[in-house]
């Protein structure tokens, strides 16, 4: 996971290490409470690490701990943009979704979400909580539900700016931050409900992968 000019890697023994991108030399190393199995999340010059003890730790660009909270077993973590970013955590072991201030880790809201927040994506001033059968958008600052989209089952999501792209059984579907469909592209990737399917975006491109192949396109 890049953090400025540093590549950050985490291991099953709870070590988080920053490597200089130019030379590969170790820049810093820190230890969190337990093994790290979930992807690291960057937010500007901060790094969020969810470990298997249920701790969510925020590090600065030099690897120093800024704050840590007991967030529970995290299934997904995302960070909103804006002047007062919020870190939202969907849990493996509970229907409760919580938002924490990126500045100091203070809990700012809590939502009992009866769907399974398999994936959380920041879109504009909202978070999309994606479940297979429906996706629910909530206000980033308050956690208040804004809208729900349930026209098709979805298996992956990726966001950018104020839009989110969903991988469904038959299409790639682009929603705006109000939940309206603004684009739809049929795919021939096969049964994307399989665990081998994924959706990713980087450098203005989007990659969708499924059992029958891969498709690459420019972000709309």
N, C-alpha and C. Protein backbone atom coordinates (compact mmCIF):
# COMPACT_ATOMS: atom_id res chain seq x y z
N UNK A 1 0.84 -1.19 0.00
CA UNK A 1 0.00 0.00 0.00
C UNK A 1 0.89 1.25 0.00
N UNK A 2 0.81 2.13 -1.04
CA UNK A 2 1.65 3.33 -1.06
C UNK A 2 1.17 4.38 -0.06
N UNK A 3 2.12 5.05 0.60
CA UNK A 3 1.85 6.15 1.51
C UNK A 3 2.89 7.21 1.20
N UNK A 4 2.55 8.14 0.31
CA UNK A 4 3.53 9.11 -0.13
C UNK A 4 4.63 8.41 -0.91
N UNK A 5 5.88 8.58 -0.49
CA UNK A 5 7.02 7.94 -1.16
C UNK A 5 7.40 6.63 -0.49
N UNK A 6 6.47 6.05 0.28
CA UNK A 6 6.74 4.84 1.05
C UNK A 6 5.77 3.74 0.65
N UNK A 7 6.28 2.52 0.52
CA UNK A 7 5.46 1.34 0.33
C UNK A 7 5.30 0.68 1.69
N UNK A 8 4.06 0.45 2.10
CA UNK A 8 3.80 -0.12 3.42
C UNK A 8 3.30 -1.55 3.26
N UNK A 9 3.89 -2.47 4.02
CA UNK A 9 3.47 -3.86 4.01
C UNK A 9 3.20 -4.30 5.45
N UNK A 10 2.22 -5.19 5.59
CA UNK A 10 1.88 -5.73 6.91
C UNK A 10 1.97 -7.25 6.86
N UNK A 11 2.27 -7.86 7.99
CA UNK A 11 2.47 -9.31 8.04
C UNK A 11 1.54 -9.94 9.08
N UNK A 12 1.49 -11.28 9.05
CA UNK A 12 0.62 -12.02 9.96
C UNK A 12 1.08 -11.95 11.40
N UNK A 13 2.31 -11.50 11.65
CA UNK A 13 2.75 -11.37 13.04
C UNK A 13 2.50 -9.97 13.60
N UNK A 14 1.77 -9.14 12.84
CA UNK A 14 1.41 -7.81 13.34
C UNK A 14 2.43 -6.73 13.08
N UNK A 15 3.46 -7.03 12.29
CA UNK A 15 4.44 -6.00 11.95
C UNK A 15 3.96 -5.20 10.75
N UNK A 16 4.11 -3.88 10.84
CA UNK A 16 3.80 -2.98 9.73
C UNK A 16 5.10 -2.25 9.40
N UNK A 17 5.54 -2.35 8.14
CA UNK A 17 6.85 -1.83 7.75
C UNK A 17 6.71 -0.88 6.58
N UNK A 18 7.39 0.27 6.66
CA UNK A 18 7.44 1.21 5.56
C UNK A 18 8.76 1.07 4.82
N UNK A 19 8.68 0.91 3.49
CA UNK A 19 9.86 0.74 2.65
C UNK A 19 9.96 1.93 1.69
N UNK A 20 11.16 2.47 1.55
CA UNK A 20 11.37 3.57 0.62
C UNK A 20 11.12 3.07 -0.81
N UNK A 21 10.23 3.78 -1.55
CA UNK A 21 9.87 3.32 -2.89
C UNK A 21 11.05 3.35 -3.85
N UNK A 22 11.96 4.29 -3.67
CA UNK A 22 13.09 4.42 -4.60
C UNK A 22 14.15 3.35 -4.39
N UNK A 23 14.45 3.04 -3.13
CA UNK A 23 15.57 2.15 -2.85
C UNK A 23 15.17 0.80 -2.28
N UNK A 24 13.96 0.71 -1.73
CA UNK A 24 13.54 -0.51 -1.05
C UNK A 24 14.05 -0.63 0.37
N UNK A 25 14.78 0.38 0.83
CA UNK A 25 15.31 0.36 2.20
C UNK A 25 14.19 0.56 3.21
N UNK A 26 14.34 -0.07 4.36
CA UNK A 26 13.34 0.09 5.42
C UNK A 26 13.40 1.50 5.98
N UNK A 27 12.25 2.17 5.99
CA UNK A 27 12.16 3.54 6.52
C UNK A 27 11.68 3.54 7.96
N UNK A 28 10.78 2.64 8.29
CA UNK A 28 10.29 2.53 9.66
C UNK A 28 9.61 1.18 9.84
N UNK A 29 9.40 0.82 11.10
CA UNK A 29 8.74 -0.44 11.44
C UNK A 29 7.97 -0.24 12.74
N UNK A 30 6.76 -0.76 12.78
CA UNK A 30 5.97 -0.67 14.02
C UNK A 30 5.21 -1.97 14.22
N UNK A 31 4.73 -2.18 15.44
CA UNK A 31 4.03 -3.41 15.79
C UNK A 31 2.62 -3.06 16.25
N UNK A 32 1.62 -3.78 15.70
CA UNK A 32 0.26 -3.62 16.19
C UNK A 32 -0.10 -4.83 17.03
N UNK A 33 -1.32 -4.84 17.58
CA UNK A 33 -1.66 -5.80 18.62
C UNK A 33 -1.70 -7.25 18.15
N UNK A 34 -2.07 -7.48 16.87
CA UNK A 34 -2.24 -8.86 16.40
C UNK A 34 -2.00 -8.91 14.90
N UNK A 35 -2.15 -10.11 14.33
CA UNK A 35 -1.89 -10.27 12.90
C UNK A 35 -2.81 -9.38 12.06
N UNK A 36 -2.31 -8.98 10.91
CA UNK A 36 -3.06 -8.11 10.00
C UNK A 36 -3.45 -8.92 8.78
N UNK A 37 -4.75 -9.10 8.58
CA UNK A 37 -5.26 -9.87 7.44
C UNK A 37 -6.04 -9.01 6.46
N UNK A 38 -6.46 -7.83 6.90
CA UNK A 38 -7.27 -6.95 6.06
C UNK A 38 -6.39 -5.94 5.33
N UNK A 39 -6.83 -5.46 4.16
CA UNK A 39 -6.05 -4.46 3.42
C UNK A 39 -5.84 -3.20 4.25
N UNK A 40 -4.67 -2.59 4.10
CA UNK A 40 -4.40 -1.30 4.74
C UNK A 40 -5.14 -0.21 3.97
N UNK A 41 -5.49 0.85 4.68
CA UNK A 41 -6.23 1.95 4.07
C UNK A 41 -5.46 3.24 4.30
N UNK A 42 -5.20 4.00 3.23
CA UNK A 42 -4.53 5.28 3.37
C UNK A 42 -5.54 6.42 3.27
N UNK A 43 -5.27 7.50 3.99
CA UNK A 43 -6.09 8.71 3.95
C UNK A 43 -5.15 9.90 4.07
N UNK A 44 -4.72 10.45 2.93
CA UNK A 44 -3.72 11.52 2.96
C UNK A 44 -2.40 11.00 3.50
N UNK A 45 -1.92 11.62 4.58
CA UNK A 45 -0.65 11.18 5.17
C UNK A 45 -0.87 10.26 6.37
N UNK A 46 -2.02 9.60 6.42
CA UNK A 46 -2.32 8.68 7.51
C UNK A 46 -2.59 7.28 6.98
N UNK A 47 -2.33 6.29 7.83
CA UNK A 47 -2.50 4.90 7.48
C UNK A 47 -3.37 4.23 8.54
N UNK A 48 -4.39 3.50 8.09
CA UNK A 48 -5.29 2.80 9.01
C UNK A 48 -5.05 1.31 8.91
N UNK A 49 -4.85 0.68 10.08
CA UNK A 49 -4.54 -0.75 10.16
C UNK A 49 -5.56 -1.42 11.06
N UNK A 50 -6.33 -2.35 10.50
CA UNK A 50 -7.27 -3.15 11.30
C UNK A 50 -6.63 -4.52 11.54
N UNK A 51 -6.49 -4.91 12.81
CA UNK A 51 -5.86 -6.20 13.09
C UNK A 51 -6.86 -7.18 13.67
N UNK A 52 -6.43 -8.43 13.85
CA UNK A 52 -7.33 -9.50 14.25
C UNK A 52 -7.75 -9.44 15.71
N UNK A 53 -7.17 -8.56 16.50
CA UNK A 53 -7.62 -8.38 17.88
C UNK A 53 -8.85 -7.48 17.95
N UNK A 54 -9.20 -6.83 16.83
CA UNK A 54 -10.31 -5.88 16.81
C UNK A 54 -9.86 -4.45 16.93
N UNK A 55 -8.55 -4.22 17.02
CA UNK A 55 -8.04 -2.85 17.13
C UNK A 55 -7.95 -2.20 15.75
N UNK A 56 -8.30 -0.92 15.69
CA UNK A 56 -8.08 -0.09 14.51
C UNK A 56 -7.07 0.96 14.92
N UNK A 57 -5.90 0.94 14.25
CA UNK A 57 -4.80 1.83 14.61
C UNK A 57 -4.54 2.81 13.48
N UNK A 58 -4.36 4.07 13.83
CA UNK A 58 -4.03 5.11 12.87
C UNK A 58 -2.57 5.51 13.04
N UNK A 59 -1.78 5.38 11.96
CA UNK A 59 -0.36 5.73 11.97
C UNK A 59 -0.13 6.96 11.09
N UNK A 60 0.92 7.73 11.42
CA UNK A 60 1.30 8.83 10.54
C UNK A 60 2.28 8.32 9.48
N UNK A 61 2.76 9.22 8.63
CA UNK A 61 3.62 8.82 7.51
C UNK A 61 4.97 8.28 7.96
N UNK A 62 5.33 8.50 9.23
CA UNK A 62 6.58 7.97 9.77
C UNK A 62 6.38 6.69 10.57
N UNK A 63 5.13 6.16 10.57
CA UNK A 63 4.85 4.92 11.28
C UNK A 63 4.54 5.07 12.75
N UNK A 64 4.41 6.32 13.23
CA UNK A 64 4.10 6.54 14.65
C UNK A 64 2.59 6.45 14.87
N UNK A 65 2.21 5.84 15.99
CA UNK A 65 0.79 5.70 16.30
C UNK A 65 0.19 7.04 16.72
N UNK A 66 -0.92 7.40 16.08
CA UNK A 66 -1.64 8.62 16.44
C UNK A 66 -2.80 8.30 17.37
N UNK A 67 -3.50 7.22 17.10
CA UNK A 67 -4.57 6.77 17.98
C UNK A 67 -4.92 5.32 17.66
N UNK A 68 -5.60 4.66 18.58
CA UNK A 68 -6.09 3.29 18.37
C UNK A 68 -7.40 3.14 19.12
N UNK A 69 -8.35 2.43 18.51
CA UNK A 69 -9.65 2.19 19.13
C UNK A 69 -10.00 0.71 19.00
N UNK A 70 -10.87 0.24 19.87
CA UNK A 70 -11.40 -1.11 19.78
C UNK A 70 -12.61 -1.06 18.85
N UNK A 71 -12.39 -1.37 17.57
CA UNK A 71 -13.45 -1.25 16.56
C UNK A 71 -14.14 -2.58 16.29
N UNK A 72 -13.65 -3.68 16.86
CA UNK A 72 -14.20 -5.00 16.60
C UNK A 72 -13.57 -5.62 15.36
N UNK A 73 -13.94 -6.85 15.07
CA UNK A 73 -13.38 -7.57 13.92
C UNK A 73 -13.86 -6.92 12.63
N UNK A 74 -12.97 -6.22 11.95
CA UNK A 74 -13.35 -5.43 10.78
C UNK A 74 -13.54 -6.30 9.55
N UNK A 75 -14.61 -6.06 8.84
CA UNK A 75 -14.82 -6.69 7.53
C UNK A 75 -14.43 -5.74 6.42
N UNK A 76 -14.67 -4.44 6.64
CA UNK A 76 -14.34 -3.43 5.65
C UNK A 76 -14.12 -2.10 6.34
N UNK A 77 -13.22 -1.29 5.76
CA UNK A 77 -12.87 0.02 6.31
C UNK A 77 -12.79 1.00 5.15
N UNK A 78 -13.34 2.20 5.33
CA UNK A 78 -13.26 3.24 4.30
C UNK A 78 -13.18 4.59 5.00
N UNK A 79 -12.69 5.59 4.26
CA UNK A 79 -12.52 6.95 4.80
C UNK A 79 -13.16 7.94 3.85
N UNK A 80 -13.93 8.88 4.40
CA UNK A 80 -14.56 9.91 3.58
C UNK A 80 -13.56 11.03 3.29
N UNK A 81 -13.91 11.90 2.34
CA UNK A 81 -13.09 13.06 2.04
C UNK A 81 -13.67 14.28 2.77
N UNK A 82 -13.19 15.47 2.44
CA UNK A 82 -13.71 16.68 3.05
C UNK A 82 -12.86 17.18 4.20
N UNK A 83 -13.36 18.25 4.83
CA UNK A 83 -12.60 18.92 5.89
C UNK A 83 -12.51 18.09 7.17
N UNK A 84 -13.51 17.26 7.43
CA UNK A 84 -13.53 16.45 8.66
C UNK A 84 -13.77 14.98 8.29
N UNK A 85 -12.74 14.29 7.78
CA UNK A 85 -12.92 12.91 7.31
C UNK A 85 -13.38 11.98 8.43
N UNK A 86 -14.19 11.01 8.04
CA UNK A 86 -14.69 9.98 8.96
C UNK A 86 -14.22 8.62 8.46
N UNK A 87 -13.76 7.80 9.41
CA UNK A 87 -13.38 6.41 9.12
C UNK A 87 -14.57 5.54 9.50
N UNK A 88 -15.07 4.74 8.58
CA UNK A 88 -16.20 3.87 8.89
C UNK A 88 -15.74 2.42 8.85
N UNK A 89 -16.23 1.64 9.80
CA UNK A 89 -15.83 0.24 9.95
C UNK A 89 -17.07 -0.64 9.94
N UNK A 90 -17.12 -1.60 9.00
CA UNK A 90 -18.13 -2.64 9.00
C UNK A 90 -17.56 -3.88 9.65
N UNK A 91 -18.29 -4.52 10.53
CA UNK A 91 -17.75 -5.60 11.34
C UNK A 91 -18.15 -6.98 10.84
N UNK A 92 -17.27 -7.95 11.10
CA UNK A 92 -17.54 -9.36 10.79
C UNK A 92 -18.56 -9.95 11.76
N UNK A 93 -18.52 -9.50 13.02
CA UNK A 93 -19.24 -10.18 14.10
C UNK A 93 -20.44 -9.40 14.62
N UNK A 94 -20.88 -8.38 13.92
CA UNK A 94 -21.94 -7.54 14.44
C UNK A 94 -22.61 -6.77 13.31
N UNK A 95 -23.93 -6.47 13.43
CA UNK A 95 -24.59 -5.63 12.43
C UNK A 95 -24.32 -4.14 12.64
N UNK A 96 -23.53 -3.81 13.64
CA UNK A 96 -23.26 -2.40 13.95
C UNK A 96 -22.13 -1.87 13.07
N UNK A 97 -22.38 -0.75 12.42
CA UNK A 97 -21.37 -0.03 11.63
C UNK A 97 -21.08 1.27 12.38
N UNK A 98 -19.79 1.58 12.56
CA UNK A 98 -19.43 2.76 13.34
C UNK A 98 -18.56 3.70 12.52
N UNK A 99 -18.72 5.01 12.79
CA UNK A 99 -17.88 6.03 12.18
C UNK A 99 -17.01 6.69 13.23
N UNK A 100 -15.72 6.87 12.90
CA UNK A 100 -14.76 7.48 13.82
C UNK A 100 -14.11 8.69 13.13
N UNK A 101 -13.85 9.74 13.90
CA UNK A 101 -13.16 10.90 13.35
C UNK A 101 -11.73 10.52 13.01
N UNK A 102 -11.30 10.81 11.77
CA UNK A 102 -9.93 10.51 11.38
C UNK A 102 -8.94 11.31 12.23
N UNK A 103 -9.33 12.48 12.68
CA UNK A 103 -8.42 13.35 13.42
C UNK A 103 -7.94 12.73 14.71
N UNK A 104 -8.86 12.10 15.48
CA UNK A 104 -8.48 11.62 16.81
C UNK A 104 -9.08 10.27 17.20
N UNK A 105 -9.84 9.63 16.29
CA UNK A 105 -10.42 8.33 16.60
C UNK A 105 -11.69 8.38 17.42
N UNK A 106 -12.21 9.57 17.69
CA UNK A 106 -13.45 9.67 18.48
C UNK A 106 -14.62 9.11 17.68
N UNK A 107 -15.48 8.31 18.36
CA UNK A 107 -16.65 7.77 17.67
C UNK A 107 -17.65 8.89 17.44
N UNK A 108 -18.10 9.03 16.19
CA UNK A 108 -19.01 10.13 15.86
C UNK A 108 -20.41 9.64 15.53
N UNK A 109 -20.54 8.37 15.14
CA UNK A 109 -21.89 7.82 14.95
C UNK A 109 -21.85 6.30 14.96
N UNK A 110 -23.04 5.71 15.11
CA UNK A 110 -23.20 4.27 15.13
C UNK A 110 -24.51 3.92 14.47
N UNK A 111 -24.49 2.91 13.60
CA UNK A 111 -25.67 2.51 12.85
C UNK A 111 -25.83 1.00 12.94
N UNK A 112 -27.04 0.56 13.30
CA UNK A 112 -27.33 -0.87 13.28
C UNK A 112 -27.83 -1.20 11.87
N UNK A 113 -26.96 -1.85 11.09
CA UNK A 113 -27.21 -2.11 9.68
C UNK A 113 -27.51 -3.59 9.51
N UNK A 114 -28.79 -3.94 9.24
CA UNK A 114 -29.18 -5.34 9.27
C UNK A 114 -28.73 -6.11 8.04
N UNK A 115 -28.37 -5.41 6.97
CA UNK A 115 -27.73 -6.10 5.86
C UNK A 115 -26.26 -6.30 6.22
N UNK A 116 -25.57 -7.12 5.43
CA UNK A 116 -24.17 -7.42 5.68
C UNK A 116 -23.31 -6.42 4.90
N UNK A 117 -22.61 -5.54 5.60
CA UNK A 117 -21.77 -4.55 4.93
C UNK A 117 -20.49 -5.22 4.44
N UNK A 118 -20.62 -6.00 3.36
CA UNK A 118 -19.49 -6.77 2.83
C UNK A 118 -18.38 -5.86 2.35
N UNK A 119 -18.77 -4.68 1.87
CA UNK A 119 -17.81 -3.75 1.31
C UNK A 119 -18.32 -2.34 1.56
N UNK A 120 -17.43 -1.43 1.93
CA UNK A 120 -17.80 -0.05 2.16
C UNK A 120 -16.97 0.83 1.24
N UNK A 121 -17.65 1.72 0.51
CA UNK A 121 -16.99 2.59 -0.45
C UNK A 121 -17.38 4.03 -0.16
N UNK A 122 -16.40 4.93 -0.12
CA UNK A 122 -16.66 6.35 0.05
C UNK A 122 -17.03 6.96 -1.29
N UNK A 123 -18.17 7.66 -1.34
CA UNK A 123 -18.60 8.36 -2.56
C UNK A 123 -19.08 9.75 -2.17
N UNK A 124 -18.32 10.78 -2.55
CA UNK A 124 -18.70 12.13 -2.18
C UNK A 124 -18.77 12.28 -0.68
N UNK A 125 -19.90 12.79 -0.18
CA UNK A 125 -20.08 12.96 1.26
C UNK A 125 -20.88 11.82 1.87
N UNK A 126 -20.83 10.64 1.22
CA UNK A 126 -21.57 9.48 1.69
C UNK A 126 -20.69 8.23 1.64
N UNK A 127 -21.14 7.21 2.37
CA UNK A 127 -20.55 5.88 2.27
C UNK A 127 -21.58 4.95 1.66
N UNK A 128 -21.14 4.06 0.77
CA UNK A 128 -22.01 3.01 0.26
C UNK A 128 -21.68 1.73 1.01
N UNK A 129 -22.68 1.15 1.67
CA UNK A 129 -22.54 -0.13 2.36
C UNK A 129 -23.10 -1.19 1.42
N UNK A 130 -22.20 -1.96 0.80
CA UNK A 130 -22.64 -2.92 -0.22
C UNK A 130 -22.91 -4.29 0.38
N UNK A 131 -24.12 -4.78 0.15
CA UNK A 131 -24.48 -6.16 0.43
C UNK A 131 -24.78 -6.82 -0.92
N UNK A 132 -24.84 -8.14 -0.97
CA UNK A 132 -25.10 -8.81 -2.24
C UNK A 132 -26.42 -8.38 -2.84
N UNK A 133 -27.48 -8.33 -2.03
CA UNK A 133 -28.83 -8.07 -2.54
C UNK A 133 -29.18 -6.60 -2.64
N UNK A 134 -28.51 -5.75 -1.86
CA UNK A 134 -28.82 -4.32 -1.92
C UNK A 134 -27.62 -3.53 -1.42
N UNK A 135 -27.57 -2.26 -1.83
CA UNK A 135 -26.52 -1.35 -1.36
C UNK A 135 -27.20 -0.13 -0.77
N UNK A 136 -26.72 0.28 0.41
CA UNK A 136 -27.31 1.40 1.13
C UNK A 136 -26.29 2.51 1.30
N UNK A 137 -26.66 3.72 0.93
CA UNK A 137 -25.79 4.87 1.13
C UNK A 137 -26.18 5.57 2.43
N UNK A 138 -25.16 5.97 3.21
CA UNK A 138 -25.40 6.70 4.46
C UNK A 138 -24.57 7.97 4.45
N UNK A 139 -25.04 8.98 5.17
CA UNK A 139 -24.32 10.24 5.29
C UNK A 139 -23.01 10.01 6.04
N UNK A 140 -21.90 10.50 5.48
CA UNK A 140 -20.59 10.25 6.09
C UNK A 140 -20.45 10.91 7.45
N UNK A 141 -21.08 12.07 7.63
CA UNK A 141 -20.91 12.82 8.88
C UNK A 141 -21.80 12.29 10.00
N UNK A 142 -22.98 11.73 9.65
CA UNK A 142 -23.95 11.36 10.68
C UNK A 142 -24.33 9.89 10.69
N UNK A 143 -24.10 9.17 9.58
CA UNK A 143 -24.53 7.78 9.48
C UNK A 143 -25.98 7.61 9.10
N UNK A 144 -26.69 8.72 8.85
CA UNK A 144 -28.11 8.63 8.51
C UNK A 144 -28.28 8.02 7.11
N UNK A 145 -29.18 7.03 6.96
CA UNK A 145 -29.40 6.43 5.64
C UNK A 145 -29.89 7.48 4.64
N UNK A 146 -29.38 7.39 3.39
CA UNK A 146 -29.75 8.35 2.35
C UNK A 146 -30.57 7.70 1.25
N UNK A 147 -30.15 6.53 0.77
CA UNK A 147 -30.89 5.82 -0.28
C UNK A 147 -30.42 4.37 -0.34
N UNK A 148 -31.23 3.55 -1.00
CA UNK A 148 -30.91 2.13 -1.19
C UNK A 148 -31.10 1.76 -2.65
N UNK A 149 -30.13 0.98 -3.18
CA UNK A 149 -30.22 0.49 -4.56
C UNK A 149 -30.27 -1.02 -4.52
N UNK A 150 -31.32 -1.62 -5.12
CA UNK A 150 -31.49 -3.08 -5.05
C UNK A 150 -32.00 -3.65 -6.37
N UNK A 151 -31.66 -3.01 -7.49
CA UNK A 151 -32.16 -3.47 -8.78
C UNK A 151 -31.51 -4.78 -9.22
N UNK A 152 -30.23 -5.00 -8.84
CA UNK A 152 -29.52 -6.22 -9.20
C UNK A 152 -28.62 -6.64 -8.04
N UNK A 153 -28.29 -7.92 -7.98
CA UNK A 153 -27.28 -8.36 -7.03
C UNK A 153 -25.93 -7.82 -7.47
N UNK A 154 -25.07 -7.49 -6.50
CA UNK A 154 -23.73 -7.01 -6.84
C UNK A 154 -22.69 -7.82 -6.07
N UNK A 155 -21.49 -7.94 -6.65
CA UNK A 155 -20.45 -8.79 -6.10
C UNK A 155 -19.16 -8.04 -5.79
N UNK A 156 -19.06 -6.82 -6.22
CA UNK A 156 -17.90 -5.99 -5.91
C UNK A 156 -18.25 -4.54 -6.22
N UNK A 157 -17.50 -3.62 -5.60
CA UNK A 157 -17.74 -2.19 -5.83
C UNK A 157 -16.43 -1.45 -5.75
N UNK A 158 -16.33 -0.38 -6.52
CA UNK A 158 -15.17 0.51 -6.43
C UNK A 158 -15.68 1.93 -6.64
N UNK A 159 -15.17 2.86 -5.84
CA UNK A 159 -15.66 4.23 -5.90
C UNK A 159 -14.57 5.22 -6.25
N UNK A 160 -15.00 6.40 -6.67
CA UNK A 160 -14.09 7.49 -6.97
C UNK A 160 -14.89 8.77 -7.12
N UNK A 161 -14.46 9.83 -6.43
CA UNK A 161 -15.23 11.07 -6.48
C UNK A 161 -16.61 10.87 -5.92
N UNK A 162 -17.64 11.20 -6.70
CA UNK A 162 -19.01 11.06 -6.22
C UNK A 162 -19.77 9.96 -6.96
N UNK A 163 -19.03 8.93 -7.45
CA UNK A 163 -19.67 7.83 -8.15
C UNK A 163 -19.13 6.49 -7.66
N UNK A 164 -19.92 5.45 -7.90
CA UNK A 164 -19.51 4.10 -7.51
C UNK A 164 -19.86 3.15 -8.64
N UNK A 165 -18.95 2.21 -8.93
CA UNK A 165 -19.16 1.21 -9.97
C UNK A 165 -19.38 -0.14 -9.31
N UNK A 166 -20.46 -0.81 -9.69
CA UNK A 166 -20.83 -2.11 -9.13
C UNK A 166 -20.66 -3.20 -10.19
N UNK A 167 -20.15 -4.34 -9.76
CA UNK A 167 -20.08 -5.53 -10.61
C UNK A 167 -21.28 -6.41 -10.29
N UNK A 168 -22.19 -6.54 -11.25
CA UNK A 168 -23.38 -7.37 -11.05
C UNK A 168 -23.26 -8.64 -11.88
N UNK A 169 -24.29 -9.48 -11.83
CA UNK A 169 -24.26 -10.75 -12.57
C UNK A 169 -24.06 -10.54 -14.06
N UNK A 170 -24.61 -9.45 -14.60
CA UNK A 170 -24.60 -9.27 -16.06
C UNK A 170 -23.95 -7.98 -16.53
N UNK A 171 -23.77 -6.99 -15.63
CA UNK A 171 -23.33 -5.67 -16.06
C UNK A 171 -22.35 -5.05 -15.08
N UNK A 172 -21.64 -4.03 -15.55
CA UNK A 172 -20.99 -3.05 -14.69
C UNK A 172 -21.93 -1.86 -14.64
N UNK A 173 -22.34 -1.48 -13.44
CA UNK A 173 -23.35 -0.44 -13.26
C UNK A 173 -22.74 0.74 -12.51
N UNK A 174 -22.86 1.94 -13.09
CA UNK A 174 -22.32 3.15 -12.47
C UNK A 174 -23.46 3.94 -11.84
N UNK A 175 -23.31 4.21 -10.52
CA UNK A 175 -24.29 5.02 -9.79
C UNK A 175 -23.67 6.34 -9.39
N UNK A 176 -24.50 7.41 -9.32
CA UNK A 176 -24.02 8.66 -8.76
C UNK A 176 -24.30 8.68 -7.26
N UNK A 177 -23.96 9.80 -6.59
CA UNK A 177 -24.10 9.82 -5.13
C UNK A 177 -25.53 9.96 -4.67
N UNK A 178 -26.48 10.05 -5.62
CA UNK A 178 -27.90 10.04 -5.27
C UNK A 178 -28.53 8.68 -5.54
N UNK A 179 -27.73 7.71 -6.01
CA UNK A 179 -28.24 6.38 -6.27
C UNK A 179 -28.82 6.18 -7.65
N UNK A 180 -28.68 7.18 -8.54
CA UNK A 180 -29.20 7.06 -9.89
C UNK A 180 -28.21 6.35 -10.79
N UNK A 181 -28.71 5.50 -11.70
CA UNK A 181 -27.86 4.82 -12.67
C UNK A 181 -27.47 5.80 -13.75
N UNK A 182 -26.16 6.02 -13.92
CA UNK A 182 -25.69 6.96 -14.95
C UNK A 182 -24.91 6.24 -16.05
N UNK A 183 -24.73 4.93 -15.91
CA UNK A 183 -24.06 4.16 -16.94
C UNK A 183 -24.21 2.68 -16.68
N UNK A 184 -24.25 1.90 -17.78
CA UNK A 184 -24.40 0.45 -17.64
C UNK A 184 -23.69 -0.22 -18.82
N UNK A 185 -22.81 -1.19 -18.52
CA UNK A 185 -22.05 -1.87 -19.56
C UNK A 185 -22.14 -3.38 -19.35
N UNK A 186 -22.76 -4.11 -20.29
CA UNK A 186 -22.82 -5.58 -20.16
C UNK A 186 -21.42 -6.19 -20.16
N UNK A 187 -21.25 -7.28 -19.43
CA UNK A 187 -19.97 -7.98 -19.43
C UNK A 187 -20.19 -9.45 -19.76
N UNK A 188 -19.09 -10.14 -20.09
CA UNK A 188 -19.13 -11.57 -20.38
C UNK A 188 -18.08 -12.27 -19.54
N UNK A 189 -18.09 -12.00 -18.24
CA UNK A 189 -17.08 -12.52 -17.33
C UNK A 189 -17.45 -13.84 -16.69
N UNK A 190 -18.65 -14.35 -16.99
CA UNK A 190 -19.09 -15.61 -16.39
C UNK A 190 -19.77 -15.39 -15.06
N UNK A 191 -19.75 -16.42 -14.23
CA UNK A 191 -20.42 -16.37 -12.92
C UNK A 191 -19.57 -15.58 -11.93
N UNK A 192 -19.83 -14.27 -11.84
CA UNK A 192 -19.00 -13.40 -11.00
C UNK A 192 -19.34 -13.53 -9.51
N UNK A 193 -20.30 -14.40 -9.17
CA UNK A 193 -20.56 -14.66 -7.75
C UNK A 193 -19.44 -15.48 -7.12
N UNK A 194 -18.55 -16.06 -7.93
CA UNK A 194 -17.44 -16.83 -7.40
C UNK A 194 -16.43 -15.92 -6.73
N UNK A 195 -15.73 -16.47 -5.74
CA UNK A 195 -14.80 -15.66 -4.93
C UNK A 195 -13.62 -15.15 -5.73
N UNK A 196 -13.37 -15.74 -6.91
CA UNK A 196 -12.23 -15.31 -7.72
C UNK A 196 -12.50 -14.02 -8.49
N UNK A 197 -13.72 -13.54 -8.48
CA UNK A 197 -14.06 -12.32 -9.20
C UNK A 197 -13.64 -11.09 -8.40
N UNK A 198 -13.26 -10.01 -9.10
CA UNK A 198 -12.94 -8.78 -8.40
C UNK A 198 -13.06 -7.58 -9.34
N UNK A 199 -13.03 -6.41 -8.73
CA UNK A 199 -13.14 -5.14 -9.43
C UNK A 199 -12.13 -4.20 -8.79
N UNK A 200 -11.32 -3.53 -9.61
CA UNK A 200 -10.29 -2.63 -9.08
C UNK A 200 -10.12 -1.45 -10.03
N UNK A 201 -9.65 -0.32 -9.48
CA UNK A 201 -9.43 0.88 -10.28
C UNK A 201 -8.12 1.53 -9.87
N UNK A 202 -7.39 2.06 -10.86
CA UNK A 202 -6.15 2.77 -10.61
C UNK A 202 -5.74 3.51 -11.87
N UNK A 203 -5.15 4.69 -11.67
CA UNK A 203 -4.60 5.47 -12.79
C UNK A 203 -5.63 5.69 -13.90
N UNK A 204 -6.89 5.92 -13.52
CA UNK A 204 -7.92 6.20 -14.51
C UNK A 204 -8.46 5.00 -15.25
N UNK A 205 -8.05 3.79 -14.84
CA UNK A 205 -8.52 2.57 -15.48
C UNK A 205 -9.27 1.70 -14.48
N UNK A 206 -10.18 0.89 -14.98
CA UNK A 206 -10.90 -0.06 -14.14
C UNK A 206 -10.68 -1.47 -14.71
N UNK A 207 -10.47 -2.43 -13.83
CA UNK A 207 -10.27 -3.82 -14.22
C UNK A 207 -11.35 -4.66 -13.55
N UNK A 208 -12.08 -5.44 -14.34
CA UNK A 208 -13.06 -6.38 -13.82
C UNK A 208 -12.63 -7.77 -14.24
N UNK A 209 -12.63 -8.71 -13.29
CA UNK A 209 -12.14 -10.07 -13.54
C UNK A 209 -13.19 -11.07 -13.10
N UNK A 210 -13.36 -12.11 -13.90
CA UNK A 210 -14.28 -13.18 -13.57
C UNK A 210 -13.78 -14.51 -14.11
N UNK A 211 -14.55 -15.59 -13.92
CA UNK A 211 -14.11 -16.92 -14.32
C UNK A 211 -13.80 -17.05 -15.81
N UNK A 212 -14.44 -16.24 -16.66
CA UNK A 212 -14.23 -16.37 -18.11
C UNK A 212 -13.28 -15.33 -18.68
N UNK A 213 -12.65 -14.53 -17.82
CA UNK A 213 -11.70 -13.57 -18.37
C UNK A 213 -11.68 -12.25 -17.62
N UNK A 214 -11.12 -11.26 -18.29
CA UNK A 214 -10.91 -9.96 -17.68
C UNK A 214 -11.26 -8.88 -18.70
N UNK A 215 -11.77 -7.77 -18.20
CA UNK A 215 -12.03 -6.62 -19.05
C UNK A 215 -11.42 -5.39 -18.43
N UNK A 216 -10.82 -4.54 -19.25
CA UNK A 216 -10.17 -3.31 -18.79
C UNK A 216 -10.77 -2.15 -19.55
N UNK A 217 -11.10 -1.07 -18.85
CA UNK A 217 -11.64 0.10 -19.52
C UNK A 217 -11.27 1.36 -18.76
N UNK A 218 -11.52 2.50 -19.38
CA UNK A 218 -11.26 3.77 -18.73
C UNK A 218 -12.43 4.13 -17.83
N UNK A 219 -12.10 4.73 -16.68
CA UNK A 219 -13.14 5.17 -15.77
C UNK A 219 -13.98 6.24 -16.45
N UNK A 220 -15.30 6.14 -16.37
CA UNK A 220 -16.17 7.14 -17.02
C UNK A 220 -16.14 8.46 -16.28
